[in-house]
């Protein structure tokens, strides 16, 4: 697991209870926490772009 990637690193601080919930979600999806957070950020940015384009 792991290895070189061309992706940039982003550090975020979240309350422990949110981290636990995200970890449980990632585990249920059989994905890493990093993958889950990246997908959530991607979805939020797509929604933001759509809102900006419709304004």
PDB file of N, CA and C in Angstrom:
ATOM      1  N   UNK A   1       0.853  -1.168   0.000  1.00  0.00           N
ATOM      2  CA  UNK A   1       0.000   0.000   0.000  1.00  0.00           C
ATOM      3  C   UNK A   1       0.898   1.231   0.000  1.00  0.00           C
ATOM      4  N   UNK A   2       0.395   2.326  -0.530  1.00  0.00           N
ATOM      5  CA  UNK A   2       1.166   3.556  -0.535  1.00  0.00           C
ATOM      6  C   UNK A   2       2.074   3.615  -1.736  1.00  0.00           C
ATOM      7  N   UNK A   3       2.982   4.536  -1.711  1.00  0.00           N
ATOM      8  CA  UNK A   3       3.897   4.699  -2.810  1.00  0.00           C
ATOM      9  C   UNK A   3       3.888   6.126  -3.310  1.00  0.00           C
ATOM     10  N   UNK A   4       4.607   6.348  -4.408  1.00  0.00           N
ATOM     11  CA  UNK A   4       4.699   7.692  -4.954  1.00  0.00           C
ATOM     12  C   UNK A   4       3.387   8.093  -5.614  1.00  0.00           C
ATOM     13  N   UNK A   5       3.093   9.375  -5.518  1.00  0.00           N
ATOM     14  CA  UNK A   5       1.883   9.910  -6.122  1.00  0.00           C
ATOM     15  C   UNK A   5       2.162  11.310  -6.628  1.00  0.00           C
ATOM     16  N   UNK A   6       1.397  11.751  -7.604  1.00  0.00           N
ATOM     17  CA  UNK A   6       1.552  13.108  -8.103  1.00  0.00           C
ATOM     18  C   UNK A   6       0.536  14.041  -7.452  1.00  0.00           C
ATOM     19  N   UNK A   7      -0.106  13.581  -6.410  1.00  0.00           N
ATOM     20  CA  UNK A   7      -1.105  14.375  -5.706  1.00  0.00           C
ATOM     21  C   UNK A   7      -0.450  15.255  -4.652  1.00  0.00           C
ATOM     22  N   UNK A   8      -1.045  16.425  -4.406  1.00  0.00           N
ATOM     23  CA  UNK A   8      -0.568  17.313  -3.356  1.00  0.00           C
ATOM     24  C   UNK A   8      -1.204  16.941  -2.027  1.00  0.00           C
ATOM     25  N   UNK A   9      -0.511  17.267  -0.961  1.00  0.00           N
ATOM     26  CA  UNK A   9      -0.991  16.985   0.388  1.00  0.00           C
ATOM     27  C   UNK A   9      -1.695  18.222   0.941  1.00  0.00           C
ATOM     28  N   UNK A  10      -2.812  17.998   1.607  1.00  0.00           N
ATOM     29  CA  UNK A  10      -3.536  19.053   2.308  1.00  0.00           C
ATOM     30  C   UNK A  10      -3.744  18.569   3.736  1.00  0.00           C
ATOM     31  N   UNK A  11      -3.458  19.421   4.690  1.00  0.00           N
ATOM     32  CA  UNK A  11      -3.633  19.068   6.094  1.00  0.00           C
ATOM     33  C   UNK A  11      -4.837  19.820   6.633  1.00  0.00           C
ATOM     34  N   UNK A  12      -5.707  19.116   7.334  1.00  0.00           N
ATOM     35  CA  UNK A  12      -6.877  19.742   7.948  1.00  0.00           C
ATOM     36  C   UNK A  12      -7.005  19.232   9.377  1.00  0.00           C
ATOM     37  N   UNK A  13      -7.470  20.092  10.241  1.00  0.00           N
ATOM     38  CA  UNK A  13      -7.699  19.723  11.631  1.00  0.00           C
ATOM     39  C   UNK A  13      -9.200  19.633  11.860  1.00  0.00           C
ATOM     40  N   UNK A  14      -9.645  18.493  12.364  1.00  0.00           N
ATOM     41  CA  UNK A  14     -11.058  18.277  12.640  1.00  0.00           C
ATOM     42  C   UNK A  14     -11.208  17.733  14.057  1.00  0.00           C
ATOM     43  N   UNK A  15     -12.372  17.944  14.654  1.00  0.00           N
ATOM     44  CA  UNK A  15     -12.603  17.387  15.988  1.00  0.00           C
ATOM     45  C   UNK A  15     -12.513  15.853  15.951  1.00  0.00           C
ATOM     46  N   UNK A  16     -12.080  15.261  17.057  1.00  0.00           N
ATOM     47  CA  UNK A  16     -11.916  13.800  17.106  1.00  0.00           C
ATOM     48  C   UNK A  16     -13.171  13.027  16.721  1.00  0.00           C
ATOM     49  N   UNK A  17     -14.350  13.516  17.103  1.00  0.00           N
ATOM     50  CA  UNK A  17     -15.573  12.781  16.791  1.00  0.00           C
ATOM     51  C   UNK A  17     -15.839  12.766  15.277  1.00  0.00           C
ATOM     52  N   UNK A  18     -15.489  13.847  14.575  1.00  0.00           N
ATOM     53  CA  UNK A  18     -15.646  13.847  13.120  1.00  0.00           C
ATOM     54  C   UNK A  18     -14.660  12.891  12.471  1.00  0.00           C
ATOM     55  N   UNK A  19     -13.449  12.868  12.980  1.00  0.00           N
ATOM     56  CA  UNK A  19     -12.445  11.959  12.430  1.00  0.00           C
ATOM     57  C   UNK A  19     -12.881  10.507  12.608  1.00  0.00           C
ATOM     58  N   UNK A  20     -13.391  10.186  13.778  1.00  0.00           N
ATOM     59  CA  UNK A  20     -13.861   8.808  14.022  1.00  0.00           C
ATOM     60  C   UNK A  20     -14.978   8.437  13.047  1.00  0.00           C
ATOM     61  N   UNK A  21     -15.920   9.356  12.858  1.00  0.00           N
ATOM     62  CA  UNK A  21     -17.035   9.074  11.955  1.00  0.00           C
ATOM     63  C   UNK A  21     -16.548   8.909  10.519  1.00  0.00           C
ATOM     64  N   UNK A  22     -15.611   9.743  10.084  1.00  0.00           N
ATOM     65  CA  UNK A  22     -15.047   9.619   8.737  1.00  0.00           C
ATOM     66  C   UNK A  22     -14.287   8.301   8.584  1.00  0.00           C
ATOM     67  N   UNK A  23     -13.538   7.919   9.622  1.00  0.00           N
ATOM     68  CA  UNK A  23     -12.798   6.655   9.571  1.00  0.00           C
ATOM     69  C   UNK A  23     -13.755   5.469   9.448  1.00  0.00           C
ATOM     70  N   UNK A  24     -14.862   5.511  10.185  1.00  0.00           N
ATOM     71  CA  UNK A  24     -15.848   4.428  10.110  1.00  0.00           C
ATOM     72  C   UNK A  24     -16.462   4.362   8.716  1.00  0.00           C
ATOM     73  N   UNK A  25     -16.762   5.518   8.143  1.00  0.00           N
ATOM     74  CA  UNK A  25     -17.329   5.590   6.798  1.00  0.00           C
ATOM     75  C   UNK A  25     -16.352   5.011   5.787  1.00  0.00           C
ATOM     76  N   UNK A  26     -15.088   5.439   5.879  1.00  0.00           N
ATOM     77  CA  UNK A  26     -14.061   4.940   4.951  1.00  0.00           C
ATOM     78  C   UNK A  26     -13.920   3.427   5.076  1.00  0.00           C
ATOM     79  N   UNK A  27     -13.911   2.936   6.305  1.00  0.00           N
ATOM     80  CA  UNK A  27     -13.776   1.489   6.520  1.00  0.00           C
ATOM     81  C   UNK A  27     -14.970   0.741   5.931  1.00  0.00           C
ATOM     82  N   UNK A  28     -16.171   1.290   6.089  1.00  0.00           N
ATOM     83  CA  UNK A  28     -17.370   0.650   5.540  1.00  0.00           C
ATOM     84  C   UNK A  28     -17.312   0.598   4.013  1.00  0.00           C
ATOM     85  N   UNK A  29     -16.663   1.588   3.399  1.00  0.00           N
ATOM     86  CA  UNK A  29     -16.522   1.639   1.945  1.00  0.00           C
ATOM     87  C   UNK A  29     -15.278   0.883   1.457  1.00  0.00           C
ATOM     88  N   UNK A  30     -14.523   0.324   2.418  1.00  0.00           N
ATOM     89  CA  UNK A  30     -13.256  -0.357   2.130  1.00  0.00           C
ATOM     90  C   UNK A  30     -12.301   0.565   1.369  1.00  0.00           C
ATOM     91  N   UNK A  31     -12.213   1.803   1.839  1.00  0.00           N
ATOM     92  CA  UNK A  31     -11.340   2.820   1.260  1.00  0.00           C
ATOM     93  C   UNK A  31     -10.534   3.464   2.371  1.00  0.00           C
ATOM     94  N   UNK A  32      -9.528   4.220   1.969  1.00  0.00           N
ATOM     95  CA  UNK A  32      -8.742   4.937   2.967  1.00  0.00           C
ATOM     96  C   UNK A  32      -9.454   6.228   3.356  1.00  0.00           C
ATOM     97  N   UNK A  33      -9.103   6.746   4.496  1.00  0.00           N
ATOM     98  CA  UNK A  33      -9.645   8.025   4.939  1.00  0.00           C
ATOM     99  C   UNK A  33      -9.262   9.118   3.942  1.00  0.00           C
ATOM    100  N   UNK A  34      -8.046   9.075   3.457  1.00  0.00           N
ATOM    101  CA  UNK A  34      -7.584  10.051   2.478  1.00  0.00           C
ATOM    102  C   UNK A  34      -8.439  10.022   1.215  1.00  0.00           C
ATOM    103  N   UNK A  35      -8.744   8.835   0.709  1.00  0.00           N
ATOM    104  CA  UNK A  35      -9.571   8.693  -0.494  1.00  0.00           C
ATOM    105  C   UNK A  35     -10.960   9.279  -0.261  1.00  0.00           C
ATOM    106  N   UNK A  36     -11.553   8.969   0.890  1.00  0.00           N
ATOM    107  CA  UNK A  36     -12.886   9.453   1.206  1.00  0.00           C
ATOM    108  C   UNK A  36     -12.911  10.976   1.266  1.00  0.00           C
ATOM    109  N   UNK A  37     -11.956  11.549   1.969  1.00  0.00           N
ATOM    110  CA  UNK A  37     -11.926  13.011   2.098  1.00  0.00           C
ATOM    111  C   UNK A  37     -11.700  13.663   0.734  1.00  0.00           C
ATOM    112  N   UNK A  38     -10.841  13.095  -0.084  1.00  0.00           N
ATOM    113  CA  UNK A  38     -10.611  13.642  -1.424  1.00  0.00           C
ATOM    114  C   UNK A  38     -11.899  13.612  -2.243  1.00  0.00           C
ATOM    115  N   UNK A  39     -12.676  12.532  -2.147  1.00  0.00           N
ATOM    116  CA  UNK A  39     -13.939  12.439  -2.887  1.00  0.00           C
ATOM    117  C   UNK A  39     -14.958  13.450  -2.376  1.00  0.00           C
ATOM    118  N   UNK A  40     -14.999  13.657  -1.066  1.00  0.00           N
ATOM    119  CA  UNK A  40     -15.920  14.647  -0.504  1.00  0.00           C
ATOM    120  C   UNK A  40     -15.552  16.062  -0.947  1.00  0.00           C
ATOM    121  N   UNK A  41     -14.275  16.367  -0.975  1.00  0.00           N
ATOM    122  CA  UNK A  41     -13.817  17.681  -1.433  1.00  0.00           C
ATOM    123  C   UNK A  41     -14.145  17.854  -2.911  1.00  0.00           C
ATOM    124  N   UNK A  42     -13.905  16.830  -3.702  1.00  0.00           N
ATOM    125  CA  UNK A  42     -14.206  16.879  -5.134  1.00  0.00           C
ATOM    126  C   UNK A  42     -15.693  17.153  -5.365  1.00  0.00           C
ATOM    127  N   UNK A  43     -16.543  16.446  -4.639  1.00  0.00           N
ATOM    128  CA  UNK A  43     -17.992  16.638  -4.784  1.00  0.00           C
ATOM    129  C   UNK A  43     -18.399  18.053  -4.394  1.00  0.00           C
ATOM    130  N   UNK A  44     -17.852  18.551  -3.288  1.00  0.00           N
ATOM    131  CA  UNK A  44     -18.190  19.902  -2.833  1.00  0.00           C
ATOM    132  C   UNK A  44     -17.746  20.953  -3.851  1.00  0.00           C
ATOM    133  N   UNK A  45     -16.581  20.778  -4.441  1.00  0.00           N
ATOM    134  CA  UNK A  45     -16.095  21.729  -5.436  1.00  0.00           C
ATOM    135  C   UNK A  45     -16.944  21.690  -6.707  1.00  0.00           C
ATOM    136  N   UNK A  46     -17.360  20.502  -7.126  1.00  0.00           N
ATOM    137  CA  UNK A  46     -18.243  20.394  -8.295  1.00  0.00           C
ATOM    138  C   UNK A  46     -19.561  21.110  -8.047  1.00  0.00           C
ATOM    139  N   UNK A  47     -20.134  20.908  -6.859  1.00  0.00           N
ATOM    140  CA  UNK A  47     -21.390  21.576  -6.516  1.00  0.00           C
ATOM    141  C   UNK A  47     -21.197  23.090  -6.480  1.00  0.00           C
ATOM    142  N   UNK A  48     -20.082  23.545  -5.957  1.00  0.00           N
ATOM    143  CA  UNK A  48     -19.793  24.988  -5.899  1.00  0.00           C
ATOM    144  C   UNK A  48     -19.682  25.568  -7.302  1.00  0.00           C
ATOM    145  N   UNK A  49     -18.981  24.853  -8.195  1.00  0.00           N
ATOM    146  CA  UNK A  49     -18.845  25.324  -9.572  1.00  0.00           C
ATOM    147  C   UNK A  49     -20.198  25.429 -10.264  1.00  0.00           C
ATOM    148  N   UNK A  50     -21.056  24.417 -10.029  1.00  0.00           N
ATOM    149  CA  UNK A  50     -22.396  24.436 -10.626  1.00  0.00           C
ATOM    150  C   UNK A  50     -23.197  25.637 -10.117  1.00  0.00           C
ATOM    151  N   UNK A  51     -23.100  25.930  -8.836  1.00  0.00           N
ATOM    152  CA  UNK A  51     -23.805  27.075  -8.275  1.00  0.00           C
ATOM    153  C   UNK A  51     -23.283  28.385  -8.865  1.00  0.00           C
ATOM    154  N   UNK A  52     -21.978  28.478  -9.035  1.00  0.00           N
ATOM    155  CA  UNK A  52     -21.387  29.697  -9.591  1.00  0.00           C
ATOM    156  C   UNK A  52     -21.783  29.871 -11.054  1.00  0.00           C
ATOM    157  N   UNK A  53     -21.869  28.780 -11.801  1.00  0.00           N
ATOM    158  CA  UNK A  53     -22.231  28.845 -13.202  1.00  0.00           C
ATOM    159  C   UNK A  53     -23.697  29.201 -13.411  1.00  0.00           C
ATOM    160  N   UNK A  54     -24.555  28.840 -12.443  1.00  0.00           N
ATOM    161  CA  UNK A  54     -25.974  29.133 -12.583  1.00  0.00           C
ATOM    162  C   UNK A  54     -26.326  30.523 -12.059  1.00  0.00           C
ATOM    163  N   UNK A  55     -25.393  31.165 -11.391  1.00  0.00           N
ATOM    164  CA  UNK A  55     -25.651  32.503 -10.829  1.00  0.00           C
ATOM    165  C   UNK A  55     -25.478  33.611 -11.860  1.00  0.00           C
TER     166      UNK A  55
END
